[in-house]
Amino acid sequence: MTENEVVEVLTQIDNFDDMKTFVNEILTQKEIADLSLRWQLLKELNNGETQRSIAARHHISLCKITRGSKLLKDPESIVKKILDSKK
């Protein structure tokens, strides 16, 4: 499956339970945990928390947080738009 195929499949799933099942079928628990942590870091950054405080709380390096910080500084970021819509 190519990246485009994965995106296409994801856009076709409009039911929460189906999406949850799909994610659990194709990803390992570690991959789900990694994705969940990445989303948590993005939310915390978007709420104005410092990279250092986030790194200390989650016991991770600043390098893991830098990518998210750059994403949130991009005015065209879909992630930023989604997070801002939830405020």
N, C-alpha and C. Protein backbone atom coordinates (compact mmCIF):
# COMPACT_ATOMS: atom_id res chain seq x y z
N MET A 1 0.85 -1.17 0.00
CA MET A 1 0.00 0.00 0.00
C MET A 1 0.90 1.24 0.00
N THR A 2 0.65 2.15 -0.89
CA THR A 2 1.41 3.38 -0.92
C THR A 2 0.83 4.38 0.07
N GLU A 3 1.57 5.44 0.31
CA GLU A 3 1.09 6.49 1.22
C GLU A 3 -0.26 7.03 0.76
N ASN A 4 -0.41 7.25 -0.55
CA ASN A 4 -1.67 7.77 -1.07
C ASN A 4 -2.83 6.80 -0.83
N GLU A 5 -2.54 5.51 -0.96
CA GLU A 5 -3.58 4.52 -0.71
C GLU A 5 -4.02 4.54 0.76
N VAL A 6 -3.04 4.68 1.64
CA VAL A 6 -3.36 4.74 3.07
C VAL A 6 -4.23 5.96 3.37
N VAL A 7 -3.83 7.09 2.83
CA VAL A 7 -4.61 8.32 3.04
C VAL A 7 -6.02 8.15 2.48
N GLU A 8 -6.12 7.56 1.31
CA GLU A 8 -7.43 7.34 0.70
C GLU A 8 -8.31 6.46 1.58
N VAL A 9 -7.74 5.38 2.09
CA VAL A 9 -8.51 4.49 2.97
C VAL A 9 -8.95 5.24 4.23
N LEU A 10 -8.04 6.01 4.81
CA LEU A 10 -8.39 6.75 6.03
C LEU A 10 -9.51 7.75 5.79
N THR A 11 -9.50 8.39 4.65
CA THR A 11 -10.55 9.38 4.37
C THR A 11 -11.91 8.73 4.12
N GLN A 12 -11.90 7.45 3.80
CA GLN A 12 -13.16 6.75 3.54
C GLN A 12 -13.84 6.25 4.82
N ILE A 13 -13.10 6.21 5.91
CA ILE A 13 -13.66 5.71 7.17
C ILE A 13 -14.27 6.87 7.93
N ASP A 14 -15.58 6.86 8.09
CA ASP A 14 -16.26 7.98 8.74
C ASP A 14 -16.94 7.57 10.05
N ASN A 15 -16.61 6.39 10.54
CA ASN A 15 -17.22 5.89 11.76
C ASN A 15 -16.11 5.68 12.79
N PHE A 16 -16.30 6.21 14.00
CA PHE A 16 -15.27 6.13 15.04
C PHE A 16 -14.86 4.69 15.33
N ASP A 17 -15.82 3.81 15.53
CA ASP A 17 -15.51 2.42 15.86
C ASP A 17 -14.75 1.72 14.74
N ASP A 18 -15.15 2.00 13.50
CA ASP A 18 -14.44 1.41 12.35
C ASP A 18 -13.01 1.93 12.28
N MET A 19 -12.83 3.23 12.52
CA MET A 19 -11.49 3.81 12.48
C MET A 19 -10.63 3.21 13.58
N LYS A 20 -11.18 3.08 14.77
CA LYS A 20 -10.43 2.51 15.88
C LYS A 20 -10.01 1.07 15.57
N THR A 21 -10.93 0.30 15.02
CA THR A 21 -10.62 -1.08 14.65
C THR A 21 -9.55 -1.12 13.58
N PHE A 22 -9.68 -0.29 12.56
CA PHE A 22 -8.70 -0.23 11.48
C PHE A 22 -7.31 0.08 12.02
N VAL A 23 -7.23 1.11 12.85
CA VAL A 23 -5.94 1.50 13.43
C VAL A 23 -5.34 0.35 14.23
N ASN A 24 -6.17 -0.31 15.02
CA ASN A 24 -5.67 -1.43 15.82
C ASN A 24 -5.29 -2.65 14.98
N GLU A 25 -5.89 -2.77 13.82
CA GLU A 25 -5.56 -3.89 12.93
C GLU A 25 -4.25 -3.67 12.19
N ILE A 26 -3.96 -2.43 11.81
CA ILE A 26 -2.77 -2.21 10.97
C ILE A 26 -1.55 -1.73 11.75
N LEU A 27 -1.76 -1.22 12.96
CA LEU A 27 -0.62 -0.72 13.74
C LEU A 27 -0.39 -1.60 14.96
N THR A 28 0.86 -1.67 15.39
CA THR A 28 1.18 -2.36 16.64
C THR A 28 0.81 -1.45 17.81
N GLN A 29 0.74 -2.02 18.99
CA GLN A 29 0.45 -1.20 20.17
C GLN A 29 1.54 -0.15 20.39
N LYS A 30 2.77 -0.48 20.07
CA LYS A 30 3.88 0.48 20.20
C LYS A 30 3.70 1.64 19.22
N GLU A 31 3.30 1.33 17.99
CA GLU A 31 3.07 2.39 17.00
C GLU A 31 1.92 3.29 17.42
N ILE A 32 0.88 2.71 17.98
CA ILE A 32 -0.26 3.49 18.47
C ILE A 32 0.18 4.37 19.63
N ALA A 33 0.97 3.82 20.54
CA ALA A 33 1.48 4.59 21.68
C ALA A 33 2.36 5.75 21.20
N ASP A 34 3.22 5.49 20.21
CA ASP A 34 4.07 6.54 19.66
C ASP A 34 3.25 7.65 19.01
N LEU A 35 2.25 7.27 18.26
CA LEU A 35 1.37 8.24 17.61
C LEU A 35 0.59 9.05 18.65
N SER A 36 0.11 8.37 19.66
CA SER A 36 -0.63 9.05 20.74
C SER A 36 0.25 10.04 21.47
N LEU A 37 1.50 9.65 21.74
CA LEU A 37 2.44 10.56 22.41
C LEU A 37 2.72 11.76 21.52
N ARG A 38 2.92 11.54 20.24
CA ARG A 38 3.19 12.66 19.31
C ARG A 38 2.02 13.65 19.34
N TRP A 39 0.79 13.14 19.32
CA TRP A 39 -0.38 14.02 19.35
C TRP A 39 -0.44 14.77 20.68
N GLN A 40 -0.13 14.09 21.79
CA GLN A 40 -0.12 14.74 23.11
C GLN A 40 0.90 15.86 23.15
N LEU A 41 2.08 15.62 22.60
CA LEU A 41 3.12 16.64 22.57
C LEU A 41 2.67 17.86 21.76
N LEU A 42 2.04 17.61 20.64
CA LEU A 42 1.53 18.71 19.80
C LEU A 42 0.49 19.53 20.55
N LYS A 43 -0.41 18.85 21.26
CA LYS A 43 -1.42 19.57 22.03
C LYS A 43 -0.78 20.43 23.12
N GLU A 44 0.19 19.88 23.82
CA GLU A 44 0.86 20.62 24.89
C GLU A 44 1.63 21.81 24.34
N LEU A 45 2.33 21.62 23.24
CA LEU A 45 3.03 22.73 22.60
C LEU A 45 2.05 23.82 22.17
N ASN A 46 0.95 23.40 21.59
CA ASN A 46 -0.04 24.36 21.11
C ASN A 46 -0.70 25.12 22.25
N ASN A 47 -0.71 24.52 23.43
CA ASN A 47 -1.26 25.19 24.62
C ASN A 47 -0.25 26.12 25.27
N GLY A 48 0.95 26.23 24.67
CA GLY A 48 1.94 27.18 25.15
C GLY A 48 2.95 26.62 26.13
N GLU A 49 2.93 25.32 26.35
CA GLU A 49 3.92 24.74 27.26
C GLU A 49 5.29 24.74 26.60
N THR A 50 6.32 24.88 27.40
CA THR A 50 7.67 24.92 26.86
C THR A 50 8.14 23.52 26.48
N GLN A 51 9.05 23.49 25.51
CA GLN A 51 9.61 22.21 25.09
C GLN A 51 10.31 21.51 26.24
N ARG A 52 11.01 22.27 27.06
CA ARG A 52 11.73 21.67 28.19
C ARG A 52 10.78 21.05 29.21
N SER A 53 9.70 21.74 29.51
CA SER A 53 8.76 21.18 30.50
C SER A 53 8.09 19.91 29.97
N ILE A 54 7.79 19.92 28.68
CA ILE A 54 7.17 18.74 28.06
C ILE A 54 8.15 17.57 28.06
N ALA A 55 9.40 17.85 27.70
CA ALA A 55 10.43 16.81 27.68
C ALA A 55 10.62 16.20 29.06
N ALA A 56 10.66 17.05 30.07
CA ALA A 56 10.85 16.56 31.44
C ALA A 56 9.65 15.72 31.89
N ARG A 57 8.45 16.17 31.61
CA ARG A 57 7.24 15.46 32.03
C ARG A 57 7.14 14.08 31.41
N HIS A 58 7.48 13.99 30.13
CA HIS A 58 7.33 12.73 29.40
C HIS A 58 8.63 11.91 29.36
N HIS A 59 9.69 12.45 29.96
CA HIS A 59 10.99 11.76 29.99
C HIS A 59 11.48 11.43 28.58
N ILE A 60 11.45 12.46 27.73
CA ILE A 60 11.92 12.31 26.35
C ILE A 60 12.90 13.43 26.02
N SER A 61 13.63 13.26 24.92
CA SER A 61 14.60 14.29 24.53
C SER A 61 13.89 15.45 23.83
N LEU A 62 14.55 16.58 23.84
CA LEU A 62 14.02 17.76 23.13
C LEU A 62 13.89 17.50 21.64
N CYS A 63 14.72 16.61 21.12
CA CYS A 63 14.68 16.31 19.68
C CYS A 63 13.31 15.78 19.26
N LYS A 64 12.67 15.01 20.12
CA LYS A 64 11.34 14.46 19.79
C LYS A 64 10.30 15.57 19.67
N ILE A 65 10.54 16.67 20.34
CA ILE A 65 9.56 17.76 20.40
C ILE A 65 9.80 18.80 19.31
N THR A 66 11.02 18.91 18.84
CA THR A 66 11.38 19.95 17.88
C THR A 66 10.54 19.89 16.61
N ARG A 67 10.29 18.72 16.09
CA ARG A 67 9.51 18.60 14.85
C ARG A 67 8.11 19.19 15.04
N GLY A 68 7.48 18.87 16.16
CA GLY A 68 6.15 19.39 16.44
C GLY A 68 6.16 20.90 16.59
N SER A 69 7.19 21.40 17.23
CA SER A 69 7.31 22.85 17.40
C SER A 69 7.40 23.55 16.05
N LYS A 70 8.17 22.98 15.14
CA LYS A 70 8.30 23.56 13.79
C LYS A 70 6.97 23.51 13.05
N LEU A 71 6.25 22.40 13.20
CA LEU A 71 4.94 22.27 12.55
C LEU A 71 3.98 23.37 13.00
N LEU A 72 3.98 23.65 14.29
CA LEU A 72 3.04 24.62 14.84
C LEU A 72 3.40 26.06 14.48
N LYS A 73 4.64 26.29 14.05
CA LYS A 73 5.05 27.63 13.61
C LYS A 73 4.69 27.88 12.15
N ASP A 74 4.34 26.83 11.43
CA ASP A 74 4.00 26.94 10.00
C ASP A 74 2.54 27.37 9.87
N PRO A 75 2.30 28.55 9.30
CA PRO A 75 0.92 29.04 9.18
C PRO A 75 0.03 28.17 8.29
N GLU A 76 0.63 27.32 7.47
CA GLU A 76 -0.14 26.44 6.60
C GLU A 76 -0.35 25.04 7.19
N SER A 77 0.10 24.84 8.42
CA SER A 77 0.03 23.52 9.05
C SER A 77 -1.42 23.10 9.32
N ILE A 78 -1.78 21.94 8.82
CA ILE A 78 -3.10 21.37 9.08
C ILE A 78 -3.22 21.01 10.56
N VAL A 79 -2.13 20.48 11.12
CA VAL A 79 -2.11 20.14 12.54
C VAL A 79 -2.47 21.37 13.37
N LYS A 80 -1.84 22.49 13.09
CA LYS A 80 -2.11 23.74 13.81
C LYS A 80 -3.58 24.15 13.66
N LYS A 81 -4.10 24.05 12.47
CA LYS A 81 -5.49 24.43 12.23
C LYS A 81 -6.43 23.52 13.03
N ILE A 82 -6.15 22.23 13.07
CA ILE A 82 -6.99 21.28 13.81
C ILE A 82 -6.93 21.59 15.31
N LEU A 83 -5.72 21.78 15.82
CA LEU A 83 -5.57 22.05 17.25
C LEU A 83 -6.24 23.37 17.63
N ASP A 84 -6.07 24.39 16.81
CA ASP A 84 -6.68 25.69 17.10
C ASP A 84 -8.20 25.62 17.08
N SER A 85 -8.75 24.75 16.24
CA SER A 85 -10.22 24.63 16.15
C SER A 85 -10.80 23.96 17.39
N LYS A 86 -9.96 23.26 18.16
CA LYS A 86 -10.41 22.57 19.35
C LYS A 86 -10.33 23.43 20.60
N LYS A 87 -9.78 24.62 20.47
CA LYS A 87 -9.63 25.53 21.64
C LYS A 87 -10.94 26.19 21.98
